[in-house]
């Protein structure tokens, strides 16, 4: 189980590399370790630990919306479902 937690933390860090400065005040490893698992959610394939939406508005009124999600994968089905996200 510890190996899974380490792998999930590594994936979470890799997934957030582009937005690394967005979660400066967040201890991702601690968040993953303390997150609920299959015991608390036996029918879940994954749990979302943190979701952020960033909207950048340009001077001309155009905007770009970006989503940043930290997901803890609980099952093989969850890995298949969220591996490309």
PDB file of N, CA and C in Angstrom:
ATOM      1  N   UNK A   1       0.814  -1.182   0.000  1.00  0.00           N
ATOM      2  CA  UNK A   1       0.000   0.000   0.000  1.00  0.00           C
ATOM      3  C   UNK A   1       0.868   1.261   0.000  1.00  0.00           C
ATOM      4  N   UNK A   2       1.997   1.234   0.697  1.00  0.00           N
ATOM      5  CA  UNK A   2       2.879   2.396   0.735  1.00  0.00           C
ATOM      6  C   UNK A   2       3.440   2.680  -0.659  1.00  0.00           C
ATOM      7  N   UNK A   3       3.756   1.613  -1.405  1.00  0.00           N
ATOM      8  CA  UNK A   3       4.272   1.788  -2.761  1.00  0.00           C
ATOM      9  C   UNK A   3       3.226   2.480  -3.629  1.00  0.00           C
ATOM     10  N   UNK A   4       1.965   2.088  -3.474  1.00  0.00           N
ATOM     11  CA  UNK A   4       0.886   2.710  -4.229  1.00  0.00           C
ATOM     12  C   UNK A   4       0.782   4.191  -3.897  1.00  0.00           C
ATOM     13  N   UNK A   5       0.904   4.529  -2.617  1.00  0.00           N
ATOM     14  CA  UNK A   5       0.839   5.928  -2.204  1.00  0.00           C
ATOM     15  C   UNK A   5       1.972   6.730  -2.817  1.00  0.00           C
ATOM     16  N   UNK A   6       3.159   6.164  -2.848  1.00  0.00           N
ATOM     17  CA  UNK A   6       4.303   6.854  -3.433  1.00  0.00           C
ATOM     18  C   UNK A   6       4.095   7.063  -4.930  1.00  0.00           C
ATOM     19  N   UNK A   7       3.593   6.040  -5.602  1.00  0.00           N
ATOM     20  CA  UNK A   7       3.336   6.144  -7.037  1.00  0.00           C
ATOM     21  C   UNK A   7       2.278   7.208  -7.306  1.00  0.00           C
ATOM     22  N   UNK A   8       1.214   7.203  -6.501  1.00  0.00           N
ATOM     23  CA  UNK A   8       0.160   8.191  -6.687  1.00  0.00           C
ATOM     24  C   UNK A   8       0.671   9.606  -6.439  1.00  0.00           C
ATOM     25  N   UNK A   9       1.501   9.760  -5.433  1.00  0.00           N
ATOM     26  CA  UNK A   9       2.066  11.084  -5.155  1.00  0.00           C
ATOM     27  C   UNK A   9       2.950  11.534  -6.320  1.00  0.00           C
ATOM     28  N   UNK A  10       3.723  10.617  -6.872  1.00  0.00           N
ATOM     29  CA  UNK A  10       4.584  10.953  -8.010  1.00  0.00           C
ATOM     30  C   UNK A  10       3.740  11.350  -9.221  1.00  0.00           C
ATOM     31  N   UNK A  11       2.667  10.621  -9.463  1.00  0.00           N
ATOM     32  CA  UNK A  11       1.783  10.960 -10.574  1.00  0.00           C
ATOM     33  C   UNK A  11       1.123  12.314 -10.350  1.00  0.00           C
ATOM     34  N   UNK A  12       0.726  12.565  -9.112  1.00  0.00           N
ATOM     35  CA  UNK A  12       0.103  13.850  -8.794  1.00  0.00           C
ATOM     36  C   UNK A  12       1.080  14.991  -9.028  1.00  0.00           C
ATOM     37  N   UNK A  13       2.318  14.796  -8.627  1.00  0.00           N
ATOM     38  CA  UNK A  13       3.327  15.838  -8.833  1.00  0.00           C
ATOM     39  C   UNK A  13       3.602  16.054 -10.313  1.00  0.00           C
ATOM     40  N   UNK A  14       3.670  14.968 -11.064  1.00  0.00           N
ATOM     41  CA  UNK A  14       3.918  15.079 -12.500  1.00  0.00           C
ATOM     42  C   UNK A  14       2.746  15.766 -13.200  1.00  0.00           C
ATOM     43  N   UNK A  15       1.540  15.439 -12.779  1.00  0.00           N
ATOM     44  CA  UNK A  15       0.356  16.026 -13.405  1.00  0.00           C
ATOM     45  C   UNK A  15       0.233  17.510 -13.120  1.00  0.00           C
ATOM     46  N   UNK A  16       0.800  17.949 -12.019  1.00  0.00           N
ATOM     47  CA  UNK A  16       0.672  19.351 -11.654  1.00  0.00           C
ATOM     48  C   UNK A  16       1.928  20.151 -11.974  1.00  0.00           C
ATOM     49  N   UNK A  17       2.868  19.573 -12.696  1.00  0.00           N
ATOM     50  CA  UNK A  17       4.133  20.264 -12.978  1.00  0.00           C
ATOM     51  C   UNK A  17       3.907  21.592 -13.693  1.00  0.00           C
ATOM     52  N   UNK A  18       2.973  21.627 -14.605  1.00  0.00           N
ATOM     53  CA  UNK A  18       2.717  22.862 -15.337  1.00  0.00           C
ATOM     54  C   UNK A  18       2.109  23.942 -14.445  1.00  0.00           C
ATOM     55  N   UNK A  19       1.429  23.516 -13.419  1.00  0.00           N
ATOM     56  CA  UNK A  19       0.787  24.452 -12.501  1.00  0.00           C
ATOM     57  C   UNK A  19       1.437  24.390 -11.135  1.00  0.00           C
ATOM     58  N   UNK A  20       2.685  24.013 -11.066  1.00  0.00           N
ATOM     59  CA  UNK A  20       3.352  23.811  -9.787  1.00  0.00           C
ATOM     60  C   UNK A  20       3.258  24.990  -8.850  1.00  0.00           C
ATOM     61  N   UNK A  21       3.256  26.192  -9.412  1.00  0.00           N
ATOM     62  CA  UNK A  21       3.186  27.373  -8.565  1.00  0.00           C
ATOM     63  C   UNK A  21       1.785  27.603  -8.002  1.00  0.00           C
ATOM     64  N   UNK A  22       0.789  26.906  -8.504  1.00  0.00           N
ATOM     65  CA  UNK A  22      -0.580  27.082  -8.018  1.00  0.00           C
ATOM     66  C   UNK A  22      -0.812  26.434  -6.656  1.00  0.00           C
ATOM     67  N   UNK A  23      -0.051  25.415  -6.320  1.00  0.00           N
ATOM     68  CA  UNK A  23      -0.285  24.659  -5.087  1.00  0.00           C
ATOM     69  C   UNK A  23       0.891  24.795  -4.130  1.00  0.00           C
ATOM     70  N   UNK A  24       1.476  25.966  -4.051  1.00  0.00           N
ATOM     71  CA  UNK A  24       2.641  26.175  -3.200  1.00  0.00           C
ATOM     72  C   UNK A  24       2.332  25.844  -1.746  1.00  0.00           C
ATOM     73  N   UNK A  25       1.157  26.226  -1.256  1.00  0.00           N
ATOM     74  CA  UNK A  25       0.801  26.022   0.143  1.00  0.00           C
ATOM     75  C   UNK A  25       0.209  24.644   0.425  1.00  0.00           C
ATOM     76  N   UNK A  26       0.241  23.738  -0.532  1.00  0.00           N
ATOM     77  CA  UNK A  26      -0.346  22.421  -0.365  1.00  0.00           C
ATOM     78  C   UNK A  26       0.732  21.359  -0.268  1.00  0.00           C
ATOM     79  N   UNK A  27       0.673  20.568   0.797  1.00  0.00           N
ATOM     80  CA  UNK A  27       1.568  19.420   0.948  1.00  0.00           C
ATOM     81  C   UNK A  27       0.878  18.234   0.272  1.00  0.00           C
ATOM     82  N   UNK A  28       1.214  18.007  -0.990  1.00  0.00           N
ATOM     83  CA  UNK A  28       0.526  17.004  -1.796  1.00  0.00           C
ATOM     84  C   UNK A  28       0.708  15.607  -1.216  1.00  0.00           C
ATOM     85  N   UNK A  29       1.923  15.274  -0.787  1.00  0.00           N
ATOM     86  CA  UNK A  29       2.171  13.943  -0.226  1.00  0.00           C
ATOM     87  C   UNK A  29       1.311  13.700   0.998  1.00  0.00           C
ATOM     88  N   UNK A  30       1.203  14.676   1.873  1.00  0.00           N
ATOM     89  CA  UNK A  30       0.383  14.542   3.078  1.00  0.00           C
ATOM     90  C   UNK A  30      -1.090  14.418   2.708  1.00  0.00           C
ATOM     91  N   UNK A  31      -1.513  15.185   1.714  1.00  0.00           N
ATOM     92  CA  UNK A  31      -2.896  15.139   1.250  1.00  0.00           C
ATOM     93  C   UNK A  31      -3.240  13.753   0.712  1.00  0.00           C
ATOM     94  N   UNK A  32      -2.335  13.160  -0.058  1.00  0.00           N
ATOM     95  CA  UNK A  32      -2.560  11.820  -0.614  1.00  0.00           C
ATOM     96  C   UNK A  32      -2.572  10.773   0.494  1.00  0.00           C
ATOM     97  N   UNK A  33      -1.645  10.877   1.446  1.00  0.00           N
ATOM     98  CA  UNK A  33      -1.578   9.904   2.534  1.00  0.00           C
ATOM     99  C   UNK A  33      -2.831   9.921   3.401  1.00  0.00           C
ATOM    100  N   UNK A  34      -3.385  11.103   3.661  1.00  0.00           N
ATOM    101  CA  UNK A  34      -4.542  11.225   4.549  1.00  0.00           C
ATOM    102  C   UNK A  34      -5.876  11.086   3.817  1.00  0.00           C
ATOM    103  N   UNK A  35      -5.831  10.942   2.518  1.00  0.00           N
ATOM    104  CA  UNK A  35      -7.048  10.862   1.721  1.00  0.00           C
ATOM    105  C   UNK A  35      -7.790   9.552   1.990  1.00  0.00           C
ATOM    106  N   UNK A  36      -9.100   9.566   1.842  1.00  0.00           N
ATOM    107  CA  UNK A  36      -9.868   8.341   2.020  1.00  0.00           C
ATOM    108  C   UNK A  36      -9.507   7.307   0.967  1.00  0.00           C
ATOM    109  N   UNK A  37      -9.726   6.061   1.312  1.00  0.00           N
ATOM    110  CA  UNK A  37      -9.406   4.969   0.403  1.00  0.00           C
ATOM    111  C   UNK A  37     -10.609   4.091   0.137  1.00  0.00           C
ATOM    112  N   UNK A  38     -10.343   2.865  -0.270  1.00  0.00           N
ATOM    113  CA  UNK A  38     -11.419   1.925  -0.576  1.00  0.00           C
ATOM    114  C   UNK A  38     -12.242   1.557   0.649  1.00  0.00           C
ATOM    115  N   UNK A  39     -11.639   1.645   1.839  1.00  0.00           N
ATOM    116  CA  UNK A  39     -12.390   1.319   3.047  1.00  0.00           C
ATOM    117  C   UNK A  39     -13.564   2.286   3.223  1.00  0.00           C
ATOM    118  N   UNK A  40     -13.323   3.560   2.976  1.00  0.00           N
ATOM    119  CA  UNK A  40     -14.363   4.574   3.127  1.00  0.00           C
ATOM    120  C   UNK A  40     -15.284   4.658   1.911  1.00  0.00           C
ATOM    121  N   UNK A  41     -14.754   4.352   0.729  1.00  0.00           N
ATOM    122  CA  UNK A  41     -15.521   4.444  -0.522  1.00  0.00           C
ATOM    123  C   UNK A  41     -15.339   3.147  -1.325  1.00  0.00           C
ATOM    124  N   UNK A  42     -15.976   2.060  -0.906  1.00  0.00           N
ATOM    125  CA  UNK A  42     -15.735   0.756  -1.541  1.00  0.00           C
ATOM    126  C   UNK A  42     -16.178   0.661  -2.994  1.00  0.00           C
ATOM    127  N   UNK A  43     -17.072   1.517  -3.437  1.00  0.00           N
ATOM    128  CA  UNK A  43     -17.554   1.452  -4.823  1.00  0.00           C
ATOM    129  C   UNK A  43     -16.892   2.471  -5.738  1.00  0.00           C
ATOM    130  N   UNK A  44     -15.949   3.245  -5.219  1.00  0.00           N
ATOM    131  CA  UNK A  44     -15.310   4.295  -6.005  1.00  0.00           C
ATOM    132  C   UNK A  44     -14.066   3.761  -6.711  1.00  0.00           C
ATOM    133  N   UNK A  45     -13.818   4.264  -7.903  1.00  0.00           N
ATOM    134  CA  UNK A  45     -12.593   3.908  -8.616  1.00  0.00           C
ATOM    135  C   UNK A  45     -11.491   4.928  -8.352  1.00  0.00           C
ATOM    136  N   UNK A  46     -11.891   6.137  -7.908  1.00  0.00           N
ATOM    137  CA  UNK A  46     -10.938   7.195  -7.595  1.00  0.00           C
ATOM    138  C   UNK A  46     -11.643   8.252  -6.756  1.00  0.00           C
ATOM    139  N   UNK A  47     -10.856   9.089  -6.093  1.00  0.00           N
ATOM    140  CA  UNK A  47     -11.418  10.224  -5.353  1.00  0.00           C
ATOM    141  C   UNK A  47     -10.647  11.472  -5.761  1.00  0.00           C
ATOM    142  N   UNK A  48     -11.369  12.571  -5.892  1.00  0.00           N
ATOM    143  CA  UNK A  48     -10.734  13.856  -6.190  1.00  0.00           C
ATOM    144  C   UNK A  48     -10.330  14.493  -4.875  1.00  0.00           C
ATOM    145  N   UNK A  49      -9.065  14.839  -4.756  1.00  0.00           N
ATOM    146  CA  UNK A  49      -8.560  15.428  -3.533  1.00  0.00           C
ATOM    147  C   UNK A  49      -8.551  16.952  -3.592  1.00  0.00           C
ATOM    148  N   UNK A  50      -8.351  17.490  -4.779  1.00  0.00           N
ATOM    149  CA  UNK A  50      -8.315  18.937  -4.931  1.00  0.00           C
ATOM    150  C   UNK A  50      -8.641  19.275  -6.376  1.00  0.00           C
ATOM    151  N   UNK A  51      -9.488  20.268  -6.555  1.00  0.00           N
ATOM    152  CA  UNK A  51      -9.860  20.713  -7.897  1.00  0.00           C
ATOM    153  C   UNK A  51      -9.705  22.229  -7.939  1.00  0.00           C
ATOM    154  N   UNK A  52      -9.030  22.715  -8.959  1.00  0.00           N
ATOM    155  CA  UNK A  52      -8.858  24.148  -9.144  1.00  0.00           C
ATOM    156  C   UNK A  52      -9.270  24.528 -10.556  1.00  0.00           C
ATOM    157  N   UNK A  53      -9.809  25.712 -10.688  1.00  0.00           N
ATOM    158  CA  UNK A  53     -10.101  26.262 -12.008  1.00  0.00           C
ATOM    159  C   UNK A  53      -9.445  27.628 -12.076  1.00  0.00           C
ATOM    160  N   UNK A  54      -8.663  27.837 -13.104  1.00  0.00           N
ATOM    161  CA  UNK A  54      -7.970  29.099 -13.313  1.00  0.00           C
ATOM    162  C   UNK A  54      -8.482  29.706 -14.612  1.00  0.00           C
ATOM    163  N   UNK A  55      -8.936  30.934 -14.530  1.00  0.00           N
ATOM    164  CA  UNK A  55      -9.403  31.639 -15.721  1.00  0.00           C
ATOM    165  C   UNK A  55      -8.501  32.841 -15.931  1.00  0.00           C
ATOM    166  N   UNK A  56      -7.860  32.895 -17.093  1.00  0.00           N
ATOM    167  CA  UNK A  56      -7.010  34.022 -17.461  1.00  0.00           C
ATOM    168  C   UNK A  56      -7.768  34.864 -18.473  1.00  0.00           C
ATOM    169  N   UNK A  57      -7.918  36.147 -18.165  1.00  0.00           N
ATOM    170  CA  UNK A  57      -8.651  37.052 -19.041  1.00  0.00           C
ATOM    171  C   UNK A  57      -7.660  37.998 -19.697  1.00  0.00           C
ATOM    172  N   UNK A  58      -7.685  38.037 -21.017  1.00  0.00           N
ATOM    173  CA  UNK A  58      -6.788  38.906 -21.776  1.00  0.00           C
ATOM    174  C   UNK A  58      -7.314  40.320 -21.860  1.00  0.00           C
ATOM    175  N   UNK A  59      -6.464  41.227 -22.297  1.00  0.00           N
ATOM    176  CA  UNK A  59      -6.840  42.635 -22.449  1.00  0.00           C
ATOM    177  C   UNK A  59      -7.969  42.824 -23.462  1.00  0.00           C
ATOM    178  N   UNK A  60      -8.045  41.925 -24.433  1.00  0.00           N
ATOM    179  CA  UNK A  60      -9.083  42.035 -25.455  1.00  0.00           C
ATOM    180  C   UNK A  60     -10.393  41.352 -25.055  1.00  0.00           C
ATOM    181  N   UNK A  61     -10.464  40.831 -23.816  1.00  0.00           N
ATOM    182  CA  UNK A  61     -11.679  40.172 -23.339  1.00  0.00           C
ATOM    183  C   UNK A  61     -11.697  38.674 -23.575  1.00  0.00           C
ATOM    184  N   UNK A  62     -10.707  38.169 -24.279  1.00  0.00           N
ATOM    185  CA  UNK A  62     -10.643  36.717 -24.477  1.00  0.00           C
ATOM    186  C   UNK A  62     -10.229  36.062 -23.162  1.00  0.00           C
ATOM    187  N   UNK A  63     -10.551  34.796 -23.026  1.00  0.00           N
ATOM    188  CA  UNK A  63     -10.186  34.096 -21.800  1.00  0.00           C
ATOM    189  C   UNK A  63      -9.780  32.665 -22.083  1.00  0.00           C
ATOM    190  N   UNK A  64      -9.011  32.123 -21.165  1.00  0.00           N
ATOM    191  CA  UNK A  64      -8.597  30.727 -21.210  1.00  0.00           C
ATOM    192  C   UNK A  64      -8.911  30.132 -19.845  1.00  0.00           C
ATOM    193  N   UNK A  65      -9.646  29.033 -19.834  1.00  0.00           N
ATOM    194  CA  UNK A  65      -9.982  28.352 -18.583  1.00  0.00           C
ATOM    195  C   UNK A  65      -9.165  27.072 -18.497  1.00  0.00           C
ATOM    196  N   UNK A  66      -8.538  26.849 -17.347  1.00  0.00           N
ATOM    197  CA  UNK A  66      -7.736  25.643 -17.116  1.00  0.00           C
ATOM    198  C   UNK A  66      -8.229  24.964 -15.854  1.00  0.00           C
ATOM    199  N   UNK A  67      -8.313  23.638 -15.903  1.00  0.00           N
ATOM    200  CA  UNK A  67      -8.693  22.844 -14.738  1.00  0.00           C
ATOM    201  C   UNK A  67      -7.479  22.088 -14.247  1.00  0.00           C
ATOM    202  N   UNK A  68      -7.346  22.003 -12.952  1.00  0.00           N
ATOM    203  CA  UNK A  68      -6.253  21.268 -12.332  1.00  0.00           C
ATOM    204  C   UNK A  68      -6.877  20.363 -11.272  1.00  0.00           C
ATOM    205  N   UNK A  69      -6.728  19.063 -11.420  1.00  0.00           N
ATOM    206  CA  UNK A  69      -7.343  18.118 -10.490  1.00  0.00           C
ATOM    207  C   UNK A  69      -6.283  17.187  -9.925  1.00  0.00           C
ATOM    208  N   UNK A  70      -6.344  16.977  -8.629  1.00  0.00           N
ATOM    209  CA  UNK A  70      -5.500  15.999  -7.964  1.00  0.00           C
ATOM    210  C   UNK A  70      -6.389  14.810  -7.648  1.00  0.00           C
ATOM    211  N   UNK A  71      -6.116  13.687  -8.261  1.00  0.00           N
ATOM    212  CA  UNK A  71      -6.960  12.505  -8.160  1.00  0.00           C
ATOM    213  C   UNK A  71      -6.186  11.367  -7.519  1.00  0.00           C
ATOM    214  N   UNK A  72      -6.799  10.724  -6.541  1.00  0.00           N
ATOM    215  CA  UNK A  72      -6.215   9.520  -5.949  1.00  0.00           C
ATOM    216  C   UNK A  72      -6.932   8.324  -6.563  1.00  0.00           C
ATOM    217  N   UNK A  73      -6.196   7.529  -7.289  1.00  0.00           N
ATOM    218  CA  UNK A  73      -6.752   6.359  -7.958  1.00  0.00           C
ATOM    219  C   UNK A  73      -6.806   5.202  -6.967  1.00  0.00           C
ATOM    220  N   UNK A  74      -7.965   4.543  -6.900  1.00  0.00           N
ATOM    221  CA  UNK A  74      -8.165   3.481  -5.919  1.00  0.00           C
ATOM    222  C   UNK A  74      -8.156   2.082  -6.520  1.00  0.00           C
ATOM    223  N   UNK A  75      -8.494   1.971  -7.798  1.00  0.00           N
ATOM    224  CA  UNK A  75      -8.616   0.652  -8.427  1.00  0.00           C
ATOM    225  C   UNK A  75      -7.985   0.662  -9.815  1.00  0.00           C
ATOM    226  N   UNK A  76      -7.868  -0.514 -10.397  1.00  0.00           N
ATOM    227  CA  UNK A  76      -7.368  -0.641 -11.762  1.00  0.00           C
ATOM    228  C   UNK A  76      -8.294   0.090 -12.734  1.00  0.00           C
ATOM    229  N   UNK A  77      -9.583  -0.011 -12.520  1.00  0.00           N
ATOM    230  CA  UNK A  77     -10.545   0.686 -13.369  1.00  0.00           C
ATOM    231  C   UNK A  77     -10.326   2.201 -13.278  1.00  0.00           C
ATOM    232  N   UNK A  78     -10.041   2.690 -12.091  1.00  0.00           N
ATOM    233  CA  UNK A  78      -9.756   4.112 -11.915  1.00  0.00           C
ATOM    234  C   UNK A  78      -8.495   4.522 -12.640  1.00  0.00           C
ATOM    235  N   UNK A  79      -7.492   3.655 -12.611  1.00  0.00           N
ATOM    236  CA  UNK A  79      -6.249   3.958 -13.319  1.00  0.00           C
ATOM    237  C   UNK A  79      -6.497   4.062 -14.816  1.00  0.00           C
ATOM    238  N   UNK A  80      -7.295   3.154 -15.342  1.00  0.00           N
ATOM    239  CA  UNK A  80      -7.609   3.201 -16.767  1.00  0.00           C
ATOM    240  C   UNK A  80      -8.439   4.435 -17.111  1.00  0.00           C
ATOM    241  N   UNK A  81      -9.365   4.786 -16.225  1.00  0.00           N
ATOM    242  CA  UNK A  81     -10.258   5.915 -16.483  1.00  0.00           C
ATOM    243  C   UNK A  81      -9.557   7.270 -16.369  1.00  0.00           C
ATOM    244  N   UNK A  82      -8.639   7.414 -15.407  1.00  0.00           N
ATOM    245  CA  UNK A  82      -8.038   8.718 -15.133  1.00  0.00           C
ATOM    246  C   UNK A  82      -6.581   8.834 -15.571  1.00  0.00           C
ATOM    247  N   UNK A  83      -6.029   7.840 -16.223  1.00  0.00           N
ATOM    248  CA  UNK A  83      -4.616   7.899 -16.584  1.00  0.00           C
ATOM    249  C   UNK A  83      -4.311   8.953 -17.638  1.00  0.00           C
ATOM    250  N   UNK A  84      -5.243   9.291 -18.483  1.00  0.00           N
ATOM    251  CA  UNK A  84      -5.012  10.290 -19.531  1.00  0.00           C
ATOM    252  C   UNK A  84      -5.469  11.685 -19.133  1.00  0.00           C
ATOM    253  N   UNK A  85      -6.098  11.800 -17.986  1.00  0.00           N
ATOM    254  CA  UNK A  85      -6.687  13.108 -17.590  1.00  0.00           C
ATOM    255  C   UNK A  85      -5.630  14.136 -17.312  1.00  0.00           C
TER     256      UNK A  85
END
